[in-house]
Amino acid sequence: MVSNVEAMKSLGAAIAIGAGAIGPGIGLGILVSKAVEAVGRNPEAVGKIQPLMILGMAFTEAVAIYALVIALIIKFV
């Protein structure tokens, strides 16, 4: 009986991190592709685009970190 609970915890943690990593992965891909496209169209604006891209990447990665924290809580608590 205890092994079933542990198995369900592991499954829940896997689903939490898996579902939580899909969104940031897609978001990062779109973010970087659009930033590169914008720099390609207007190379003089790289100084304005690059900090915004890095800030956006940080916020996007935060979502994945939250998913990891939730998965660890499910697994170990």
Foldseek 3Di string as FASTA:
>chain_A
DVVVLLVVLLVVLVVLLVVQVVQLVVVLVVLVVVLVVVCVVPVVCNVVSVVVSVVSNVVSVVSSVVSNVVSVVSNPD
